[in-house]
Amino acid sequence: MGRIFEVRKHTMFARWNRMAKQFARIAKDITMAVKAGGPDPQGNPALRRFIQNARAVNMPKDRIEAAIKRASGRDATNYQQVLYEAYAPHGVALLIETATDNPTRTVASVRSIVTKHGGNLATSGSVSFQFTKMGVFRLDPAGIDQDDLELYLIDHGLEEMGEGTGEKGEPQLVIRCAFADFGKLQEALEARNIAPLSAEHQYIPSAPVQLPEEQATEVLTLIDKLEQDDDVQAVFHNLA
């Protein structure tokens, strides 16, 4: 009985830790969106998107409102977005997206994590050419005529549409566009009264790398450590 309790406690802690990280990441996104485009979601597409993403991970409404209010204040933190390029063990390419108020602290932390786990930071441009920046929207497929939606969205920048799953294995519809068409595709979905479960940019690898399980585990351990860093917003990789 004690062992079962410990396993459950560990699982609950891991889930809480992941949720806290998601909330912190979205709060930073909201802060940067408000500073760039103001606190009114109706006139700020980026803010509308991040509010939708917050709802998708069950971030409480009062926390969303508090983040917007805090970002509108005179003392709001000024975050700087910095993209670091690196190689994990076994040649896996990494793009590490950060939002920081202290780049010196952030680069030192990122370098420490990467080198400690057998990787190394790379020079700007030496890794990013292996990825394409795209807009990625995830939709609830219920009630959607996928063929009709696909034909409609092609005129608004759609490049790919396919089936996917959420964190709990629930079916989702995943659509991608060139990042330059992100706003156009977001507006097209809004015109159809379709609220995405999430909307974000991702760096899609052009040539995924296959590794044996043991080596892949080393890479995934490094990625997990990076994702736990407070300044890291997302980690993209080309591990298949």
C-alpha atoms as a PDB file:
ATOM      1  CA  MET A   1       0.000   0.000   0.000  1.00  0.00           C
ATOM      2  CA  GLY A   2       2.843   2.364   0.859  1.00  0.00           C
ATOM      3  CA  ARG A   3       4.522   1.723  -2.502  1.00  0.00           C
ATOM      4  CA  ILE A   4       1.279   2.463  -4.388  1.00  0.00           C
ATOM      5  CA  PHE A   5       0.913   5.719  -2.441  1.00  0.00           C
ATOM      6  CA  GLU A   6       4.478   6.768  -3.303  1.00  0.00           C
ATOM      7  CA  VAL A   7       3.907   6.069  -7.011  1.00  0.00           C
ATOM      8  CA  ARG A   8       0.687   8.061  -6.984  1.00  0.00           C
ATOM      9  CA  LYS A   9       2.350  10.919  -5.116  1.00  0.00           C
ATOM     10  CA  HIS A  10       5.217  10.990  -7.629  1.00  0.00           C
ATOM     11  CA  THR A  11       2.765  10.959 -10.549  1.00  0.00           C
ATOM     12  CA  MET A  12       0.728  13.788  -9.045  1.00  0.00           C
ATOM     13  CA  PHE A  13       3.868  15.831  -8.392  1.00  0.00           C
ATOM     14  CA  ALA A  14       5.094  15.317 -11.968  1.00  0.00           C
ATOM     15  CA  ARG A  15       1.689  16.352 -13.322  1.00  0.00           C
ATOM     16  CA  TRP A  16       1.604  19.432 -11.080  1.00  0.00           C
ATOM     17  CA  ASN A  17       5.152  20.368 -12.050  1.00  0.00           C
ATOM     18  CA  ARG A  18       4.308  20.087 -15.758  1.00  0.00           C
ATOM     19  CA  MET A  19       1.169  22.167 -15.300  1.00  0.00           C
ATOM     20  CA  ALA A  20       3.049  24.859 -13.353  1.00  0.00           C
ATOM     21  CA  LYS A  21       5.620  25.056 -16.141  1.00  0.00           C
ATOM     22  CA  GLN A  22       2.869  25.394 -18.763  1.00  0.00           C
ATOM     23  CA  PHE A  23       1.216  28.204 -16.794  1.00  0.00           C
ATOM     24  CA  ALA A  24       4.534  30.040 -16.377  1.00  0.00           C
ATOM     25  CA  ARG A  25       5.338  29.704 -20.086  1.00  0.00           C
ATOM     26  CA  ILE A  26       1.931  31.025 -21.144  1.00  0.00           C
ATOM     27  CA  ALA A  27       2.132  33.886 -18.631  1.00  0.00           C
ATOM     28  CA  LYS A  28       5.361  34.981 -20.335  1.00  0.00           C
ATOM     29  CA  ASP A  29       3.704  34.686 -23.752  1.00  0.00           C
ATOM     30  CA  ILE A  30       0.829  36.840 -22.514  1.00  0.00           C
ATOM     31  CA  THR A  31       3.239  39.423 -21.099  1.00  0.00           C
ATOM     32  CA  MET A  32       5.115  39.749 -24.391  1.00  0.00           C
ATOM     33  CA  ALA A  33       1.870  39.876 -26.389  1.00  0.00           C
ATOM     34  CA  VAL A  34       0.398  42.616 -24.185  1.00  0.00           C
ATOM     35  CA  LYS A  35       3.570  44.697 -24.358  1.00  0.00           C
ATOM     36  CA  ALA A  36       3.641  44.360 -28.142  1.00  0.00           C
ATOM     37  CA  GLY A  37      -0.045  44.829 -28.929  1.00  0.00           C
ATOM     38  CA  GLY A  38      -1.956  46.001 -25.859  1.00  0.00           C
ATOM     39  CA  PRO A  39      -4.249  44.287 -23.323  1.00  0.00           C
ATOM     40  CA  ASP A  40      -7.416  44.046 -25.453  1.00  0.00           C
ATOM     41  CA  PRO A  41      -7.713  40.569 -27.030  1.00  0.00           C
ATOM     42  CA  GLN A  42     -10.094  41.884 -29.704  1.00  0.00           C
ATOM     43  CA  GLY A  43      -7.369  44.054 -31.175  1.00  0.00           C
ATOM     44  CA  ASN A  44      -4.457  41.766 -30.381  1.00  0.00           C
ATOM     45  CA  PRO A  45      -4.463  38.456 -32.322  1.00  0.00           C
ATOM     46  CA  ALA A  46      -1.372  37.171 -30.506  1.00  0.00           C
ATOM     47  CA  LEU A  47      -3.013  37.737 -27.135  1.00  0.00           C
ATOM     48  CA  ARG A  48      -6.199  35.980 -28.318  1.00  0.00           C
ATOM     49  CA  ARG A  49      -4.063  33.036 -29.333  1.00  0.00           C
ATOM     50  CA  PHE A  50      -2.262  32.791 -26.004  1.00  0.00           C
ATOM     51  CA  ILE A  51      -5.507  33.087 -24.053  1.00  0.00           C
ATOM     52  CA  GLN A  52      -6.852  30.160 -26.085  1.00  0.00           C
ATOM     53  CA  ASN A  53      -3.679  28.190 -25.358  1.00  0.00           C
ATOM     54  CA  ALA A  54      -4.093  28.978 -21.662  1.00  0.00           C
ATOM     55  CA  ARG A  55      -7.615  27.606 -21.689  1.00  0.00           C
ATOM     56  CA  ALA A  56      -6.402  24.488 -23.507  1.00  0.00           C
ATOM     57  CA  VAL A  57      -4.155  23.599 -20.533  1.00  0.00           C
ATOM     58  CA  ASN A  58      -6.882  24.519 -18.011  1.00  0.00           C
ATOM     59  CA  MET A  59      -5.194  27.668 -16.758  1.00  0.00           C
ATOM     60  CA  PRO A  60      -7.736  29.328 -14.431  1.00  0.00           C
ATOM     61  CA  LYS A  61      -9.497  32.417 -15.753  1.00  0.00           C
ATOM     62  CA  ASP A  62      -8.363  34.527 -12.806  1.00  0.00           C
ATOM     63  CA  ARG A  63      -4.730  33.641 -13.509  1.00  0.00           C
ATOM     64  CA  ILE A  64      -5.126  34.618 -17.164  1.00  0.00           C
ATOM     65  CA  GLU A  65      -6.680  37.948 -16.177  1.00  0.00           C
ATOM     66  CA  ALA A  66      -3.974  38.523 -13.565  1.00  0.00           C
ATOM     67  CA  ALA A  67      -1.260  37.883 -16.164  1.00  0.00           C
ATOM     68  CA  ILE A  68      -2.822  40.441 -18.537  1.00  0.00           C
ATOM     69  CA  LYS A  69      -3.171  43.008 -15.749  1.00  0.00           C
ATOM     70  CA  ARG A  70       0.382  42.435 -14.567  1.00  0.00           C
ATOM     71  CA  ALA A  71       1.705  42.771 -18.123  1.00  0.00           C
ATOM     72  CA  SER A  72      -0.130  46.089 -18.486  1.00  0.00           C
ATOM     73  CA  GLY A  73       1.547  47.556 -15.411  1.00  0.00           C
ATOM     74  CA  ARG A  74       4.493  49.906 -15.340  1.00  0.00           C
ATOM     75  CA  ASP A  75       6.647  47.354 -13.534  1.00  0.00           C
ATOM     76  CA  ALA A  76       5.972  44.463 -15.908  1.00  0.00           C
ATOM     77  CA  THR A  77       9.021  42.364 -16.702  1.00  0.00           C
ATOM     78  CA  ASN A  78      10.622  42.986 -20.084  1.00  0.00           C
ATOM     79  CA  TYR A  79      11.261  39.583 -21.607  1.00  0.00           C
ATOM     80  CA  GLN A  80      13.616  39.076 -24.517  1.00  0.00           C
ATOM     81  CA  GLN A  81      13.165  36.116 -26.846  1.00  0.00           C
ATOM     82  CA  VAL A  82      16.438  34.342 -27.592  1.00  0.00           C
ATOM     83  CA  LEU A  83      16.856  31.209 -29.713  1.00  0.00           C
ATOM     84  CA  TYR A  84      19.853  29.013 -28.930  1.00  0.00           C
ATOM     85  CA  GLU A  85      21.181  26.377 -31.309  1.00  0.00           C
ATOM     86  CA  ALA A  86      22.834  23.230 -30.016  1.00  0.00           C
ATOM     87  CA  TYR A  87      23.679  19.622 -30.666  1.00  0.00           C
ATOM     88  CA  ALA A  88      22.630  16.890 -28.276  1.00  0.00           C
ATOM     89  CA  PRO A  89      24.574  13.636 -28.029  1.00  0.00           C
ATOM     90  CA  HIS A  90      24.682  11.509 -31.218  1.00  0.00           C
ATOM     91  CA  GLY A  91      24.311  14.509 -33.517  1.00  0.00           C
ATOM     92  CA  VAL A  92      20.710  15.400 -32.745  1.00  0.00           C
ATOM     93  CA  ALA A  93      19.982  19.041 -33.597  1.00  0.00           C
ATOM     94  CA  LEU A  94      18.303  21.254 -30.996  1.00  0.00           C
ATOM     95  CA  LEU A  95      16.659  24.666 -31.117  1.00  0.00           C
ATOM     96  CA  ILE A  96      16.102  26.044 -27.628  1.00  0.00           C
ATOM     97  CA  GLU A  97      13.596  28.871 -27.431  1.00  0.00           C
ATOM     98  CA  THR A  98      13.829  31.099 -24.369  1.00  0.00           C
ATOM     99  CA  ALA A  99      12.120  34.173 -22.923  1.00  0.00           C
ATOM    100  CA  THR A 100      14.372  35.927 -20.464  1.00  0.00           C
ATOM    101  CA  ASP A 101      14.986  39.165 -18.602  1.00  0.00           C
ATOM    102  CA  ASN A 102      18.644  38.220 -18.196  1.00  0.00           C
ATOM    103  CA  PRO A 103      20.282  36.653 -21.297  1.00  0.00           C
ATOM    104  CA  THR A 104      23.610  36.277 -19.495  1.00  0.00           C
ATOM    105  CA  ARG A 105      21.987  34.056 -16.870  1.00  0.00           C
ATOM    106  CA  THR A 106      20.038  32.146 -19.486  1.00  0.00           C
ATOM    107  CA  VAL A 107      22.910  31.305 -21.824  1.00  0.00           C
ATOM    108  CA  ALA A 108      25.015  30.153 -18.864  1.00  0.00           C
ATOM    109  CA  SER A 109      22.209  27.874 -17.662  1.00  0.00           C
ATOM    110  CA  VAL A 110      21.478  26.472 -21.125  1.00  0.00           C
ATOM    111  CA  ARG A 111      25.176  25.848 -21.814  1.00  0.00           C
ATOM    112  CA  SER A 112      25.589  24.107 -18.456  1.00  0.00           C
ATOM    113  CA  ILE A 113      22.651  21.751 -19.052  1.00  0.00           C
ATOM    114  CA  VAL A 114      23.672  20.942 -22.631  1.00  0.00           C
ATOM    115  CA  THR A 115      27.330  20.234 -21.865  1.00  0.00           C
ATOM    116  CA  LYS A 116      26.525  18.282 -18.695  1.00  0.00           C
ATOM    117  CA  HIS A 117      24.464  15.882 -20.803  1.00  0.00           C
ATOM    118  CA  GLY A 118      27.015  15.365 -23.570  1.00  0.00           C
ATOM    119  CA  GLY A 119      25.994  18.080 -26.027  1.00  0.00           C
ATOM    120  CA  ASN A 120      27.353  21.462 -27.057  1.00  0.00           C
ATOM    121  CA  LEU A 121      26.053  24.892 -28.008  1.00  0.00           C
ATOM    122  CA  ALA A 122      26.424  25.746 -31.687  1.00  0.00           C
ATOM    123  CA  THR A 123      26.948  28.984 -33.577  1.00  0.00           C
ATOM    124  CA  SER A 124      23.960  30.882 -34.939  1.00  0.00           C
ATOM    125  CA  GLY A 125      22.710  29.406 -38.204  1.00  0.00           C
ATOM    126  CA  SER A 126      24.619  26.131 -37.921  1.00  0.00           C
ATOM    127  CA  VAL A 127      21.534  24.213 -36.718  1.00  0.00           C
ATOM    128  CA  SER A 128      18.488  26.265 -37.648  1.00  0.00           C
ATOM    129  CA  PHE A 129      18.844  25.568 -41.386  1.00  0.00           C
ATOM    130  CA  GLN A 130      17.709  22.005 -40.622  1.00  0.00           C
ATOM    131  CA  PHE A 131      14.277  23.265 -39.501  1.00  0.00           C
ATOM    132  CA  THR A 132      11.338  25.134 -41.025  1.00  0.00           C
ATOM    133  CA  LYS A 133       9.352  27.503 -38.834  1.00  0.00           C
ATOM    134  CA  MET A 134       5.640  26.790 -39.241  1.00  0.00           C
ATOM    135  CA  GLY A 135       2.338  27.733 -37.671  1.00  0.00           C
ATOM    136  CA  VAL A 136       0.596  24.769 -36.050  1.00  0.00           C
ATOM    137  CA  PHE A 137      -3.068  24.731 -35.021  1.00  0.00           C
ATOM    138  CA  ARG A 138      -4.752  21.896 -33.150  1.00  0.00           C
ATOM    139  CA  LEU A 139      -8.536  21.558 -33.453  1.00  0.00           C
ATOM    140  CA  ASP A 140     -11.249  19.429 -31.918  1.00  0.00           C
ATOM    141  CA  PRO A 141     -12.430  17.402 -34.940  1.00  0.00           C
ATOM    142  CA  ALA A 142     -15.973  16.988 -33.576  1.00  0.00           C
ATOM    143  CA  GLY A 143     -18.493  18.528 -35.933  1.00  0.00           C
ATOM    144  CA  ILE A 144     -15.888  19.554 -38.525  1.00  0.00           C
ATOM    145  CA  ASP A 145     -16.241  18.561 -42.186  1.00  0.00           C
ATOM    146  CA  GLN A 146     -12.536  18.026 -42.799  1.00  0.00           C
ATOM    147  CA  ASP A 147     -12.727  17.995 -46.609  1.00  0.00           C
ATOM    148  CA  ASP A 148     -14.699  21.238 -46.656  1.00  0.00           C
ATOM    149  CA  LEU A 149     -12.374  22.880 -44.127  1.00  0.00           C
ATOM    150  CA  GLU A 150      -9.286  21.806 -46.051  1.00  0.00           C
ATOM    151  CA  LEU A 151     -10.590  23.305 -49.313  1.00  0.00           C
ATOM    152  CA  TYR A 152     -11.454  26.535 -47.501  1.00  0.00           C
ATOM    153  CA  LEU A 153      -8.097  26.854 -45.727  1.00  0.00           C
ATOM    154  CA  ILE A 154      -5.972  26.149 -48.801  1.00  0.00           C
ATOM    155  CA  ASP A 155      -6.759  29.705 -49.935  1.00  0.00           C
ATOM    156  CA  HIS A 156      -5.549  31.010 -46.568  1.00  0.00           C
ATOM    157  CA  GLY A 157      -2.129  29.377 -46.403  1.00  0.00           C
ATOM    158  CA  LEU A 158      -2.827  25.783 -45.376  1.00  0.00           C
ATOM    159  CA  GLU A 159       0.075  23.463 -46.200  1.00  0.00           C
ATOM    160  CA  GLU A 160      -0.709  20.298 -44.243  1.00  0.00           C
ATOM    161  CA  MET A 161      -3.711  18.789 -42.492  1.00  0.00           C
ATOM    162  CA  GLY A 162      -3.719  15.509 -40.615  1.00  0.00           C
ATOM    163  CA  GLU A 163      -4.917  13.624 -37.576  1.00  0.00           C
ATOM    164  CA  GLY A 164      -3.152  13.769 -34.239  1.00  0.00           C
ATOM    165  CA  THR A 165      -3.743  13.161 -30.548  1.00  0.00           C
ATOM    166  CA  GLY A 166      -3.651  15.289 -27.415  1.00  0.00           C
ATOM    167  CA  GLU A 167      -1.844  14.604 -24.148  1.00  0.00           C
ATOM    168  CA  LYS A 168      -4.615  12.263 -23.006  1.00  0.00           C
ATOM    169  CA  GLY A 169      -4.843  10.454 -26.340  1.00  0.00           C
ATOM    170  CA  GLU A 170      -7.923  12.354 -27.495  1.00  0.00           C
ATOM    171  CA  PRO A 171      -8.266  12.798 -31.288  1.00  0.00           C
ATOM    172  CA  GLN A 172      -7.235  16.146 -32.721  1.00  0.00           C
ATOM    173  CA  LEU A 173      -7.005  17.729 -36.135  1.00  0.00           C
ATOM    174  CA  VAL A 174      -3.564  19.198 -36.782  1.00  0.00           C
ATOM    175  CA  ILE A 175      -3.074  21.854 -39.455  1.00  0.00           C
ATOM    176  CA  ARG A 176       0.138  23.572 -40.483  1.00  0.00           C
ATOM    177  CA  CYS A 177       1.032  26.629 -42.504  1.00  0.00           C
ATOM    178  CA  ALA A 178       4.132  28.633 -43.344  1.00  0.00           C
ATOM    179  CA  PHE A 179       4.829  30.918 -40.406  1.00  0.00           C
ATOM    180  CA  ALA A 180       4.329  33.964 -42.646  1.00  0.00           C
ATOM    181  CA  ASP A 181       0.708  32.838 -43.111  1.00  0.00           C
ATOM    182  CA  PHE A 182       0.039  32.313 -39.395  1.00  0.00           C
ATOM    183  CA  GLY A 183      -2.145  35.390 -38.945  1.00  0.00           C
ATOM    184  CA  LYS A 184      -4.050  34.767 -42.154  1.00  0.00           C
ATOM    185  CA  LEU A 185      -4.891  31.197 -41.166  1.00  0.00           C
ATOM    186  CA  GLN A 186      -5.872  32.278 -37.639  1.00  0.00           C
ATOM    187  CA  GLU A 187      -8.285  34.848 -39.102  1.00  0.00           C
ATOM    188  CA  ALA A 188      -9.722  32.238 -41.474  1.00  0.00           C
ATOM    189  CA  LEU A 189     -10.485  29.898 -38.572  1.00  0.00           C
ATOM    190  CA  GLU A 190     -12.045  32.735 -36.583  1.00  0.00           C
ATOM    191  CA  ALA A 191     -14.240  33.595 -39.584  1.00  0.00           C
ATOM    192  CA  ARG A 192     -15.570  30.025 -39.412  1.00  0.00           C
ATOM    193  CA  ASN A 193     -16.088  30.354 -35.635  1.00  0.00           C
ATOM    194  CA  ILE A 194     -13.529  27.611 -35.030  1.00  0.00           C
ATOM    195  CA  ALA A 195     -11.592  28.103 -31.799  1.00  0.00           C
ATOM    196  CA  PRO A 196      -8.334  26.111 -31.914  1.00  0.00           C
ATOM    197  CA  LEU A 197      -7.407  23.992 -28.920  1.00  0.00           C
ATOM    198  CA  SER A 198      -3.960  25.518 -29.339  1.00  0.00           C
ATOM    199  CA  ALA A 199      -2.137  27.694 -31.842  1.00  0.00           C
ATOM    200  CA  GLU A 200       1.622  28.086 -31.842  1.00  0.00           C
ATOM    201  CA  HIS A 201       4.711  28.154 -33.990  1.00  0.00           C
ATOM    202  CA  GLN A 202       6.969  25.135 -34.199  1.00  0.00           C
ATOM    203  CA  TYR A 203      10.278  24.368 -35.858  1.00  0.00           C
ATOM    204  CA  ILE A 204       9.716  21.299 -38.025  1.00  0.00           C
ATOM    205  CA  PRO A 205      12.867  19.242 -38.844  1.00  0.00           C
ATOM    206  CA  SER A 206      13.583  18.526 -42.493  1.00  0.00           C
ATOM    207  CA  ALA A 207      15.411  15.233 -41.835  1.00  0.00           C
ATOM    208  CA  PRO A 208      14.498  13.403 -38.580  1.00  0.00           C
ATOM    209  CA  VAL A 209      17.257  11.274 -37.053  1.00  0.00           C
ATOM    210  CA  GLN A 210      16.657   7.660 -36.016  1.00  0.00           C
ATOM    211  CA  LEU A 211      18.555   6.426 -32.940  1.00  0.00           C
ATOM    212  CA  PRO A 212      18.636   3.180 -30.935  1.00  0.00           C
ATOM    213  CA  GLU A 213      16.506   3.324 -27.795  1.00  0.00           C
ATOM    214  CA  GLU A 214      19.409   3.791 -25.392  1.00  0.00           C
ATOM    215  CA  GLN A 215      20.860   6.711 -27.335  1.00  0.00           C
ATOM    216  CA  ALA A 216      17.428   8.263 -27.845  1.00  0.00           C
ATOM    217  CA  THR A 217      16.888   8.120 -24.081  1.00  0.00           C
ATOM    218  CA  GLU A 218      20.090  10.135 -23.538  1.00  0.00           C
ATOM    219  CA  VAL A 219      18.810  12.815 -25.901  1.00  0.00           C
ATOM    220  CA  LEU A 220      15.340  12.880 -24.329  1.00  0.00           C
ATOM    221  CA  THR A 221      16.878  13.228 -20.864  1.00  0.00           C
ATOM    222  CA  LEU A 222      18.741  16.341 -22.031  1.00  0.00           C
ATOM    223  CA  ILE A 223      15.577  17.773 -23.609  1.00  0.00           C
ATOM    224  CA  ASP A 224      13.636  17.144 -20.393  1.00  0.00           C
ATOM    225  CA  LYS A 225      16.277  18.963 -18.322  1.00  0.00           C
ATOM    226  CA  LEU A 226      16.195  21.934 -20.698  1.00  0.00           C
ATOM    227  CA  GLU A 227      12.397  22.103 -20.580  1.00  0.00           C
ATOM    228  CA  GLN A 228      12.548  22.298 -16.784  1.00  0.00           C
ATOM    229  CA  ASP A 229      14.644  25.483 -16.912  1.00  0.00           C
ATOM    230  CA  ASP A 230      12.586  28.548 -15.963  1.00  0.00           C
ATOM    231  CA  ASP A 231      13.784  30.581 -18.957  1.00  0.00           C
ATOM    232  CA  VAL A 232      13.141  27.884 -21.578  1.00  0.00           C
ATOM    233  CA  GLN A 233       9.850  28.165 -23.436  1.00  0.00           C
ATOM    234  CA  ALA A 234      10.240  25.224 -25.838  1.00  0.00           C
ATOM    235  CA  VAL A 235      12.809  22.798 -27.213  1.00  0.00           C
ATOM    236  CA  PHE A 236      12.624  21.597 -30.813  1.00  0.00           C
ATOM    237  CA  HIS A 237      14.682  18.683 -32.101  1.00  0.00           C
ATOM    238  CA  ASN A 238      15.096  16.378 -35.092  1.00  0.00           C
ATOM    239  CA  LEU A 239      14.972  13.099 -33.168  1.00  0.00           C
ATOM    240  CA  ALA A 240      12.487  10.815 -34.929  1.00  0.00           C
END
